[in-house]
Amino acid sequence: MRNGLTTVGVSAFSVLVVAAPANADTPQPPPARTDVAATDASSKEIRPEHSKPKHPRPPRPKPDRSLDSAAISIDSLANPLVFTVTARKGIPYLNDPRTLPGWQNLRRAPGSQGGLVTHITVAQDSRLNYYPDPTTTSALRVTVQTRDGIFFTVCRLGNLANLNAPLPTSGPLPCTPWAALPAV
């Protein structure tokens, strides 16, 4: 042994010298380990712990029930107004521009079962003899769809004594009880 080198063999032409690696005393990292739970039962193939499936399924979109709305102009009132309805987070609302705040929760109408509304629409309904006030001059017919069916209510907007009576901001609304429409 000469200068940290070991002589292995000598021949007439050369000397073969083998050196120990420079990092022989440094510990080597352990081999990569896999989790036993990551083993595929059918093929016994071992996957690394954090592997992802090759074709992940896209996330399903959540239905948005808050953007369905309609507007109508009521010409028989003292001043023409536009009323809007919407189903925000499944709750039906009617916007009466004559009141503050303008949005009225239509679950305050008699007979509401509190179902989640997926679709809503509004139309002018101008016949007379509405229950509970037969002197009604103008009304809105609000139609909603829930998982239980299609329902409607008629909300009066004014009567012969006061053509421009706003909807009350608390208590029950001056609407007919919610009634089911025949199934499609």
Protein backbone atom coordinates (compact mmCIF):
# COMPACT_ATOMS: atom_id res chain seq x y z
CA MET A 1 0.00 0.00 0.00
CA ARG A 2 1.37 3.32 -1.08
CA ASN A 3 -0.21 6.81 -0.56
CA GLY A 4 -3.70 5.37 0.29
CA LEU A 5 -3.64 3.17 -2.82
CA THR A 6 -3.68 -0.58 -2.82
CA THR A 7 -1.57 -2.47 -5.30
CA VAL A 8 -3.52 -5.36 -6.74
CA GLY A 9 -1.21 -6.82 -9.28
CA VAL A 10 2.05 -6.10 -11.05
CA SER A 11 2.92 -7.05 -14.55
CA ALA A 12 5.75 -6.27 -16.84
CA PHE A 13 3.78 -3.50 -18.51
CA SER A 14 1.72 -1.83 -15.78
CA VAL A 15 0.62 -1.72 -12.23
CA LEU A 16 -3.12 -1.99 -11.48
CA VAL A 17 -4.09 0.28 -8.65
CA VAL A 18 -7.57 0.37 -7.05
CA ALA A 19 -8.54 3.33 -4.90
CA ALA A 20 -11.32 3.36 -2.31
CA PRO A 21 -14.07 5.89 -3.09
CA ALA A 22 -13.53 9.32 -1.50
CA ASN A 23 -16.93 9.24 0.27
CA ALA A 24 -16.71 5.65 1.53
CA ASP A 25 -17.31 6.78 5.13
CA THR A 26 -20.46 8.87 4.25
CA PRO A 27 -23.77 7.06 4.95
CA GLN A 28 -25.99 6.54 1.91
CA PRO A 29 -29.73 7.53 1.97
CA PRO A 30 -32.14 4.64 2.48
CA PRO A 31 -33.98 3.40 -0.62
CA ALA A 32 -37.32 5.06 -1.46
CA ARG A 33 -40.21 3.57 0.54
CA THR A 34 -43.80 3.12 -0.50
CA ASP A 35 -46.92 2.91 1.58
CA VAL A 36 -48.44 -0.55 1.79
CA ALA A 37 -51.94 1.01 1.51
CA ALA A 38 -51.01 2.38 -1.94
CA THR A 39 -50.82 -1.17 -3.33
CA ASP A 40 -53.33 -1.93 -6.07
CA ALA A 41 -55.16 -5.08 -4.92
CA SER A 42 -55.76 -6.45 -8.42
CA SER A 43 -52.27 -6.12 -9.85
CA LYS A 44 -50.21 -5.87 -6.64
CA GLU A 45 -48.53 -2.85 -8.18
CA ILE A 46 -46.98 -0.49 -5.67
CA ARG A 47 -47.51 3.24 -6.29
CA PRO A 48 -45.71 6.02 -4.45
CA GLU A 49 -47.70 7.62 -1.60
CA HIS A 50 -48.50 10.87 -3.39
CA SER A 51 -49.31 9.61 -6.84
CA LYS A 52 -52.42 10.96 -8.56
CA PRO A 53 -54.78 9.04 -10.82
CA LYS A 54 -53.98 9.39 -14.49
CA HIS A 55 -57.40 10.84 -15.44
CA PRO A 56 -59.03 12.71 -12.57
CA ARG A 57 -62.73 13.48 -12.90
CA PRO A 58 -63.62 17.16 -13.24
CA PRO A 59 -65.53 18.65 -10.29
CA ARG A 60 -69.29 18.82 -10.70
CA PRO A 61 -70.66 22.36 -10.88
CA LYS A 62 -73.08 23.37 -8.15
CA PRO A 63 -76.45 24.62 -9.42
CA ASP A 64 -76.87 28.36 -9.04
CA ARG A 65 -80.42 29.23 -8.08
CA SER A 66 -79.92 32.94 -7.54
CA LEU A 67 -79.97 34.44 -11.04
CA ASP A 68 -83.43 33.67 -12.44
CA SER A 69 -85.47 36.88 -12.67
CA ALA A 70 -88.07 38.78 -14.68
CA ALA A 71 -89.47 42.31 -14.73
CA ILE A 72 -92.88 43.80 -15.55
CA SER A 73 -94.32 47.28 -15.88
CA ILE A 74 -97.65 47.86 -14.14
CA ASP A 75 -99.43 50.56 -16.14
CA SER A 76 -102.66 50.72 -14.14
CA LEU A 77 -100.93 52.23 -11.11
CA ALA A 78 -100.61 56.00 -10.68
CA ASN A 79 -97.01 55.79 -11.99
CA PRO A 80 -95.78 52.88 -14.15
CA LEU A 81 -93.31 50.75 -12.14
CA VAL A 82 -91.09 47.80 -12.82
CA PHE A 83 -91.32 44.84 -10.42
CA THR A 84 -88.60 42.20 -10.40
CA VAL A 85 -88.54 38.69 -8.95
CA THR A 86 -85.57 36.49 -8.16
CA ALA A 87 -84.82 33.22 -6.42
CA ARG A 88 -81.71 33.94 -4.37
CA LYS A 89 -80.29 30.80 -2.73
CA GLY A 90 -83.65 29.12 -3.28
CA ILE A 91 -85.73 31.83 -1.57
CA PRO A 92 -88.26 33.73 -3.75
CA TYR A 93 -88.11 37.53 -3.57
CA LEU A 94 -90.20 40.29 -5.13
CA ASN A 95 -88.76 43.80 -5.53
CA ASP A 96 -91.34 46.52 -4.94
CA PRO A 97 -89.68 49.83 -5.92
CA ARG A 98 -92.19 51.72 -3.75
CA THR A 99 -90.75 50.38 -0.46
CA LEU A 100 -87.42 50.45 1.37
CA PRO A 101 -85.93 47.90 1.44
CA GLY A 102 -87.51 46.95 -1.84
CA TRP A 103 -86.96 43.18 -1.67
CA GLN A 104 -89.89 41.30 -0.10
CA ASN A 105 -89.50 37.63 0.88
CA LEU A 106 -92.35 35.76 -0.83
CA ARG A 107 -92.25 33.08 1.87
CA ARG A 108 -94.35 35.61 3.79
CA ALA A 109 -97.23 34.86 1.41
CA PRO A 110 -99.82 32.51 2.96
CA GLY A 111 -99.38 28.78 2.35
CA SER A 112 -95.62 28.87 1.73
CA GLN A 113 -94.05 25.47 2.42
CA GLY A 114 -90.48 26.85 2.32
CA GLY A 115 -89.25 24.68 -0.58
CA LEU A 116 -86.12 25.70 -2.50
CA VAL A 117 -87.13 27.65 -5.61
CA THR A 118 -85.23 26.78 -8.79
CA HIS A 119 -87.19 28.95 -11.28
CA ILE A 120 -89.36 32.03 -10.86
CA THR A 121 -91.34 34.33 -13.14
CA VAL A 122 -93.79 37.23 -12.80
CA ALA A 123 -96.68 38.54 -14.89
CA GLN A 124 -99.31 41.23 -14.57
CA ASP A 125 -102.71 39.93 -13.44
CA SER A 126 -105.38 42.64 -13.76
CA ARG A 127 -108.74 41.03 -13.10
CA LEU A 128 -111.00 42.12 -10.24
CA ASN A 129 -112.40 40.31 -7.17
CA TYR A 130 -109.12 39.11 -5.68
CA TYR A 131 -109.18 37.40 -2.35
CA PRO A 132 -108.89 38.92 0.27
CA ASP A 133 -109.62 42.34 -1.29
CA PRO A 134 -112.20 42.36 -4.13
CA THR A 135 -111.47 46.08 -4.81
CA THR A 136 -107.97 45.27 -6.11
CA THR A 137 -107.09 47.10 -9.31
CA SER A 138 -103.67 45.59 -10.15
CA ALA A 139 -101.82 42.47 -9.12
CA LEU A 140 -98.76 40.39 -9.91
CA ARG A 141 -98.91 36.67 -10.50
CA VAL A 142 -95.68 35.04 -9.33
CA THR A 143 -95.03 31.47 -10.45
CA VAL A 144 -92.24 29.34 -8.96
CA GLN A 145 -90.89 25.85 -9.48
CA THR A 146 -89.55 23.67 -6.67
CA ARG A 147 -88.68 19.98 -6.57
CA ASP A 148 -92.24 19.38 -5.32
CA GLY A 149 -93.95 21.05 -8.30
CA ILE A 150 -95.02 24.40 -9.76
CA PHE A 151 -96.87 26.90 -7.54
CA PHE A 152 -98.29 30.40 -7.93
CA THR A 153 -99.55 33.29 -5.85
CA VAL A 154 -101.24 36.56 -6.82
CA CYS A 155 -100.09 39.65 -4.90
CA ARG A 156 -102.28 42.75 -5.06
CA LEU A 157 -100.55 46.07 -5.63
CA GLY A 158 -103.35 48.58 -5.14
CA ASN A 159 -107.08 48.88 -4.61
CA LEU A 160 -109.81 51.39 -5.44
CA ALA A 161 -109.13 53.38 -2.24
CA ASN A 162 -105.36 53.58 -2.81
CA LEU A 163 -104.07 52.82 -6.31
CA ASN A 164 -100.43 52.94 -5.24
CA ALA A 165 -100.35 51.06 -1.89
CA PRO A 166 -96.84 49.58 -1.42
CA LEU A 167 -96.36 46.06 -0.17
CA PRO A 168 -95.88 45.89 3.62
CA THR A 169 -92.29 45.41 4.80
CA SER A 170 -93.27 43.08 7.66
CA GLY A 171 -96.02 40.61 8.41
CA PRO A 172 -97.95 38.67 5.78
CA LEU A 173 -98.05 39.94 2.21
CA PRO A 174 -101.40 40.79 0.53
CA CYS A 175 -101.14 37.70 -1.66
CA THR A 176 -103.38 34.73 -2.29
CA PRO A 177 -102.23 31.48 -0.68
CA TRP A 178 -99.65 29.55 -2.73
CA ALA A 179 -101.47 27.06 -4.92
CA ALA A 180 -100.16 24.18 -7.00
CA LEU A 181 -100.48 24.17 -10.78
CA PRO A 182 -101.27 20.87 -12.52
CA ALA A 183 -98.25 18.72 -13.31
CA VAL A 184 -96.72 18.93 -16.76
